[in-house]
Amino acid sequence: MLRGLFGEAPGHEFMVLSMWQSAAEHGKYRTERVERLALRAQIEADIDSLTGDIVQLEPSWTV
């Protein structure tokens, strides 16, 4: 992971953004490790739903 950002909306909604070198690198982390981390953190007690998507960065927007 290159960078990450955490945000909170009014109520009980949160957004976590993470920047990866490639979709392949993100896929390596997501598949096995999130399941293990979820078990260790016992997230079932705190999280109603968890979704995600991959968005391509527009290179011309970077500084």
PDB file of N, CA and C in Angstrom:
ATOM      1  N   MET A   1       0.850  -1.175   0.000  1.00  0.00           N
ATOM      2  CA  MET A   1       0.000   0.000   0.000  1.00  0.00           C
ATOM      3  C   MET A   1       0.891   1.232   0.000  1.00  0.00           C
ATOM      4  N   LEU A   2       0.557   2.170  -0.867  1.00  0.00           N
ATOM      5  CA  LEU A   2       1.333   3.405  -0.955  1.00  0.00           C
ATOM      6  C   LEU A   2       0.829   4.478  -0.005  1.00  0.00           C
ATOM      7  N   ARG A   3      -0.499   4.622   0.081  1.00  0.00           N
ATOM      8  CA  ARG A   3      -1.108   5.647   0.928  1.00  0.00           C
ATOM      9  C   ARG A   3      -2.470   5.171   1.388  1.00  0.00           C
ATOM     10  N   GLY A   4      -2.999   5.820   2.415  1.00  0.00           N
ATOM     11  CA  GLY A   4      -4.339   5.505   2.889  1.00  0.00           C
ATOM     12  C   GLY A   4      -5.001   6.729   3.482  1.00  0.00           C
ATOM     13  N   LEU A   5      -6.335   6.718   3.504  1.00  0.00           N
ATOM     14  CA  LEU A   5      -7.114   7.831   4.030  1.00  0.00           C
ATOM     15  C   LEU A   5      -8.366   7.267   4.682  1.00  0.00           C
ATOM     16  N   PHE A   6      -8.744   7.818   5.812  1.00  0.00           N
ATOM     17  CA  PHE A   6      -9.912   7.372   6.554  1.00  0.00           C
ATOM     18  C   PHE A   6     -10.829   8.565   6.738  1.00  0.00           C
ATOM     19  N   GLY A   7     -12.126   8.395   6.451  1.00  0.00           N
ATOM     20  CA  GLY A   7     -13.086   9.486   6.631  1.00  0.00           C
ATOM     21  C   GLY A   7     -14.359   8.991   7.291  1.00  0.00           C
ATOM     22  N   GLU A   8     -15.045   9.896   7.987  1.00  0.00           N
ATOM     23  CA  GLU A   8     -16.282   9.556   8.672  1.00  0.00           C
ATOM     24  C   GLU A   8     -17.385  10.494   8.210  1.00  0.00           C
ATOM     25  N   ALA A   9     -18.537   9.930   7.860  1.00  0.00           N
ATOM     26  CA  ALA A   9     -19.715  10.709   7.489  1.00  0.00           C
ATOM     27  C   ALA A   9     -20.604  10.854   8.722  1.00  0.00           C
ATOM     28  N   PRO A  10     -21.573  11.764   8.676  1.00  0.00           N
ATOM     29  CA  PRO A  10     -22.520  11.857   9.794  1.00  0.00           C
ATOM     30  C   PRO A  10     -23.190  10.500  10.016  1.00  0.00           C
ATOM     31  N   GLY A  11     -23.410  10.179  11.241  1.00  0.00           N
ATOM     32  CA  GLY A  11     -23.994   8.869  11.553  1.00  0.00           C
ATOM     33  C   GLY A  11     -22.893   7.851  11.758  1.00  0.00           C
ATOM     34  N   HIS A  12     -23.098   6.668  11.241  1.00  0.00           N
ATOM     35  CA  HIS A  12     -22.148   5.580  11.452  1.00  0.00           C
ATOM     36  C   HIS A  12     -21.614   5.052  10.128  1.00  0.00           C
ATOM     37  N   GLU A  13     -21.209   5.954   9.245  1.00  0.00           N
ATOM     38  CA  GLU A  13     -20.641   5.541   7.970  1.00  0.00           C
ATOM     39  C   GLU A  13     -19.203   6.015   7.877  1.00  0.00           C
ATOM     40  N   PHE A  14     -18.354   5.150   7.373  1.00  0.00           N
ATOM     41  CA  PHE A  14     -16.935   5.447   7.260  1.00  0.00           C
ATOM     42  C   PHE A  14     -16.452   5.051   5.876  1.00  0.00           C
ATOM     43  N   MET A  15     -15.408   5.719   5.421  1.00  0.00           N
ATOM     44  CA  MET A  15     -14.795   5.375   4.144  1.00  0.00           C
ATOM     45  C   MET A  15     -13.297   5.257   4.350  1.00  0.00           C
ATOM     46  N   VAL A  16     -12.741   4.206   3.819  1.00  0.00           N
ATOM     47  CA  VAL A  16     -11.306   4.008   3.852  1.00  0.00           C
ATOM     48  C   VAL A  16     -10.825   3.914   2.408  1.00  0.00           C
ATOM     49  N   LEU A  17      -9.904   4.784   2.047  1.00  0.00           N
ATOM     50  CA  LEU A  17      -9.323   4.764   0.709  1.00  0.00           C
ATOM     51  C   LEU A  17      -7.875   4.325   0.833  1.00  0.00           C
ATOM     52  N   SER A  18      -7.442   3.491  -0.074  1.00  0.00           N
ATOM     53  CA  SER A  18      -6.047   3.069  -0.070  1.00  0.00           C
ATOM     54  C   SER A  18      -5.513   3.124  -1.496  1.00  0.00           C
ATOM     55  N   MET A  19      -4.243   3.496  -1.623  1.00  0.00           N
ATOM     56  CA  MET A  19      -3.614   3.588  -2.938  1.00  0.00           C
ATOM     57  C   MET A  19      -2.557   2.504  -3.047  1.00  0.00           C
ATOM     58  N   TRP A  20      -2.629   1.749  -4.143  1.00  0.00           N
ATOM     59  CA  TRP A  20      -1.740   0.628  -4.381  1.00  0.00           C
ATOM     60  C   TRP A  20      -0.975   0.849  -5.665  1.00  0.00           C
ATOM     61  N   GLN A  21       0.160   0.210  -5.801  1.00  0.00           N
ATOM     62  CA  GLN A  21       0.982   0.310  -6.999  1.00  0.00           C
ATOM     63  C   GLN A  21       0.243  -0.245  -8.218  1.00  0.00           C
ATOM     64  N   SER A  22      -0.557  -1.293  -8.009  1.00  0.00           N
ATOM     65  CA  SER A  22      -1.292  -1.908  -9.116  1.00  0.00           C
ATOM     66  C   SER A  22      -2.480  -2.678  -8.552  1.00  0.00           C
ATOM     67  N   ALA A  23      -3.428  -3.012  -9.431  1.00  0.00           N
ATOM     68  CA  ALA A  23      -4.571  -3.825  -9.017  1.00  0.00           C
ATOM     69  C   ALA A  23      -4.106  -5.203  -8.558  1.00  0.00           C
ATOM     70  N   ALA A  24      -3.061  -5.718  -9.171  1.00  0.00           N
ATOM     71  CA  ALA A  24      -2.530  -7.027  -8.775  1.00  0.00           C
ATOM     72  C   ALA A  24      -1.995  -6.993  -7.338  1.00  0.00           C
ATOM     73  N   GLU A  25      -1.287  -5.940  -6.985  1.00  0.00           N
ATOM     74  CA  GLU A  25      -0.781  -5.815  -5.610  1.00  0.00           C
ATOM     75  C   GLU A  25      -1.932  -5.713  -4.618  1.00  0.00           C
ATOM     76  N   HIS A  26      -2.951  -4.957  -4.949  1.00  0.00           N
ATOM     77  CA  HIS A  26      -4.121  -4.836  -4.083  1.00  0.00           C
ATOM     78  C   HIS A  26      -4.801  -6.192  -3.935  1.00  0.00           C
ATOM     79  N   GLY A  27      -4.910  -6.943  -5.019  1.00  0.00           N
ATOM     80  CA  GLY A  27      -5.541  -8.255  -4.979  1.00  0.00           C
ATOM     81  C   GLY A  27      -4.835  -9.231  -4.065  1.00  0.00           C
ATOM     82  N   LYS A  28      -3.520  -9.176  -4.019  1.00  0.00           N
ATOM     83  CA  LYS A  28      -2.763 -10.055  -3.119  1.00  0.00           C
ATOM     84  C   LYS A  28      -3.135  -9.790  -1.667  1.00  0.00           C
ATOM     85  N   TYR A  29      -3.255  -8.534  -1.305  1.00  0.00           N
ATOM     86  CA  TYR A  29      -3.583  -8.168   0.074  1.00  0.00           C
ATOM     87  C   TYR A  29      -5.022  -8.538   0.397  1.00  0.00           C
ATOM     88  N   ARG A  30      -5.913  -8.175  -0.487  1.00  0.00           N
ATOM     89  CA  ARG A  30      -7.340  -8.289  -0.227  1.00  0.00           C
ATOM     90  C   ARG A  30      -7.793  -9.718   0.000  1.00  0.00           C
ATOM     91  N   THR A  31      -7.379 -10.636  -0.824  1.00  0.00           N
ATOM     92  CA  THR A  31      -7.932 -11.988  -0.817  1.00  0.00           C
ATOM     93  C   THR A  31      -7.720 -12.728   0.500  1.00  0.00           C
ATOM     94  N   GLU A  32      -6.483 -12.944   0.891  1.00  0.00           N
ATOM     95  CA  GLU A  32      -6.245 -13.745   2.095  1.00  0.00           C
ATOM     96  C   GLU A  32      -6.165 -12.915   3.376  1.00  0.00           C
ATOM     97  N   ARG A  33      -5.507 -11.824   3.314  1.00  0.00           N
ATOM     98  CA  ARG A  33      -5.176 -11.106   4.542  1.00  0.00           C
ATOM     99  C   ARG A  33      -6.353 -10.427   5.198  1.00  0.00           C
ATOM    100  N   VAL A  34      -7.287  -9.922   4.420  1.00  0.00           N
ATOM    101  CA  VAL A  34      -8.434  -9.263   5.033  1.00  0.00           C
ATOM    102  C   VAL A  34      -9.252 -10.250   5.852  1.00  0.00           C
ATOM    103  N   GLU A  35      -9.403 -11.460   5.347  1.00  0.00           N
ATOM    104  CA  GLU A  35     -10.139 -12.469   6.104  1.00  0.00           C
ATOM    105  C   GLU A  35      -9.456 -12.764   7.434  1.00  0.00           C
ATOM    106  N   ARG A  36      -8.145 -12.915   7.405  1.00  0.00           N
ATOM    107  CA  ARG A  36      -7.409 -13.169   8.656  1.00  0.00           C
ATOM    108  C   ARG A  36      -7.490 -11.986   9.602  1.00  0.00           C
ATOM    109  N   LEU A  37      -7.329 -10.769   9.070  1.00  0.00           N
ATOM    110  CA  LEU A  37      -7.423  -9.576   9.912  1.00  0.00           C
ATOM    111  C   LEU A  37      -8.820  -9.440  10.513  1.00  0.00           C
ATOM    112  N   ALA A  38      -9.844  -9.731   9.720  1.00  0.00           N
ATOM    113  CA  ALA A  38     -11.220  -9.645  10.211  1.00  0.00           C
ATOM    114  C   ALA A  38     -11.444 -10.603  11.381  1.00  0.00           C
ATOM    115  N   LEU A  39     -10.923 -11.811  11.279  1.00  0.00           N
ATOM    116  CA  LEU A  39     -11.062 -12.771  12.376  1.00  0.00           C
ATOM    117  C   LEU A  39     -10.333 -12.295  13.618  1.00  0.00           C
ATOM    118  N   ARG A  40      -9.121 -11.801  13.428  1.00  0.00           N
ATOM    119  CA  ARG A  40      -8.330 -11.341  14.579  1.00  0.00           C
ATOM    120  C   ARG A  40      -8.957 -10.122  15.239  1.00  0.00           C
ATOM    121  N   ALA A  41      -9.536  -9.215  14.441  1.00  0.00           N
ATOM    122  CA  ALA A  41     -10.112  -7.982  14.984  1.00  0.00           C
ATOM    123  C   ALA A  41     -11.549  -8.167  15.449  1.00  0.00           C
ATOM    124  N   GLN A  42     -12.135  -9.322  15.163  1.00  0.00           N
ATOM    125  CA  GLN A  42     -13.529  -9.617  15.529  1.00  0.00           C
ATOM    126  C   GLN A  42     -14.463  -8.511  15.054  1.00  0.00           C
ATOM    127  N   ILE A  43     -14.388  -8.192  13.751  1.00  0.00           N
ATOM    128  CA  ILE A  43     -15.141  -7.059  13.202  1.00  0.00           C
ATOM    129  C   ILE A  43     -16.645  -7.300  13.132  1.00  0.00           C
ATOM    130  N   GLU A  44     -17.089  -8.542  13.249  1.00  0.00           N
ATOM    131  CA  GLU A  44     -18.519  -8.818  13.168  1.00  0.00           C
ATOM    132  C   GLU A  44     -19.320  -8.007  14.180  1.00  0.00           C
ATOM    133  N   ALA A  45     -18.722  -7.704  15.311  1.00  0.00           N
ATOM    134  CA  ALA A  45     -19.408  -6.951  16.360  1.00  0.00           C
ATOM    135  C   ALA A  45     -19.545  -5.474  16.016  1.00  0.00           C
ATOM    136  N   ASP A  46     -18.732  -4.966  15.084  1.00  0.00           N
ATOM    137  CA  ASP A  46     -18.716  -3.537  14.801  1.00  0.00           C
ATOM    138  C   ASP A  46     -19.136  -3.146  13.383  1.00  0.00           C
ATOM    139  N   ILE A  47     -19.105  -4.078  12.445  1.00  0.00           N
ATOM    140  CA  ILE A  47     -19.334  -3.737  11.039  1.00  0.00           C
ATOM    141  C   ILE A  47     -20.590  -4.429  10.515  1.00  0.00           C
ATOM    142  N   ASP A  48     -21.502  -3.621   9.938  1.00  0.00           N
ATOM    143  CA  ASP A  48     -22.716  -4.169   9.327  1.00  0.00           C
ATOM    144  C   ASP A  48     -22.442  -4.667   7.919  1.00  0.00           C
ATOM    145  N   SER A  49     -21.657  -3.907   7.151  1.00  0.00           N
ATOM    146  CA  SER A  49     -21.340  -4.320   5.782  1.00  0.00           C
ATOM    147  C   SER A  49     -19.988  -3.756   5.388  1.00  0.00           C
ATOM    148  N   LEU A  50     -19.370  -4.432   4.437  1.00  0.00           N
ATOM    149  CA  LEU A  50     -18.049  -4.046   3.960  1.00  0.00           C
ATOM    150  C   LEU A  50     -18.024  -4.283   2.459  1.00  0.00           C
ATOM    151  N   THR A  51     -17.779  -3.219   1.686  1.00  0.00           N
ATOM    152  CA  THR A  51     -17.723  -3.337   0.237  1.00  0.00           C
ATOM    153  C   THR A  51     -16.477  -2.642  -0.274  1.00  0.00           C
ATOM    154  N   GLY A  52     -16.134  -2.892  -1.507  1.00  0.00           N
ATOM    155  CA  GLY A  52     -14.958  -2.258  -2.071  1.00  0.00           C
ATOM    156  C   GLY A  52     -14.999  -2.266  -3.581  1.00  0.00           C
ATOM    157  N   ASP A  53     -14.144  -1.451  -4.156  1.00  0.00           N
ATOM    158  CA  ASP A  53     -14.040  -1.370  -5.599  1.00  0.00           C
ATOM    159  C   ASP A  53     -12.666  -0.823  -5.942  1.00  0.00           C
ATOM    160  N   ILE A  54     -12.230  -1.081  -7.153  1.00  0.00           N
ATOM    161  CA  ILE A  54     -10.955  -0.552  -7.632  1.00  0.00           C
ATOM    162  C   ILE A  54     -11.244   0.582  -8.606  1.00  0.00           C
ATOM    163  N   VAL A  55     -10.618   1.716  -8.381  1.00  0.00           N
ATOM    164  CA  VAL A  55     -10.775   2.888  -9.234  1.00  0.00           C
ATOM    165  C   VAL A  55      -9.409   3.249  -9.785  1.00  0.00           C
ATOM    166  N   GLN A  56      -9.322   3.447 -11.073  1.00  0.00           N
ATOM    167  CA  GLN A  56      -8.058   3.828 -11.703  1.00  0.00           C
ATOM    168  C   GLN A  56      -7.757   5.298 -11.428  1.00  0.00           C
ATOM    169  N   LEU A  57      -6.529   5.597 -11.084  1.00  0.00           N
ATOM    170  CA  LEU A  57      -6.085   6.966 -10.861  1.00  0.00           C
ATOM    171  C   LEU A  57      -5.821   7.623 -12.206  1.00  0.00           C
ATOM    172  N   GLU A  58      -6.301   8.832 -12.385  1.00  0.00           N
ATOM    173  CA  GLU A  58      -6.041   9.599 -13.603  1.00  0.00           C
ATOM    174  C   GLU A  58      -4.672  10.279 -13.451  1.00  0.00           C
ATOM    175  N   PRO A  59      -3.654   9.826 -14.192  1.00  0.00           N
ATOM    176  CA  PRO A  59      -2.301  10.363 -14.022  1.00  0.00           C
ATOM    177  C   PRO A  59      -2.201  11.878 -14.180  1.00  0.00           C
ATOM    178  N   SER A  60      -3.023  12.476 -15.023  1.00  0.00           N
ATOM    179  CA  SER A  60      -2.926  13.930 -15.227  1.00  0.00           C
ATOM    180  C   SER A  60      -3.400  14.718 -14.012  1.00  0.00           C
ATOM    181  N   TRP A  61      -4.062  14.070 -13.041  1.00  0.00           N
ATOM    182  CA  TRP A  61      -4.540  14.753 -11.846  1.00  0.00           C
ATOM    183  C   TRP A  61      -3.474  14.827 -10.752  1.00  0.00           C
ATOM    184  N   THR A  62      -2.398  14.111 -10.905  1.00  0.00           N
ATOM    185  CA  THR A  62      -1.379  14.093  -9.858  1.00  0.00           C
ATOM    186  C   THR A  62      -0.458  15.301  -9.980  1.00  0.00           C
ATOM    187  N   VAL A  63       0.100  15.698  -8.859  1.00  0.00           N
ATOM    188  CA  VAL A  63       0.998  16.854  -8.808  1.00  0.00           C
ATOM    189  C   VAL A  63       2.392  16.366  -8.489  1.00  0.00           C
TER     190      VAL A  63
END
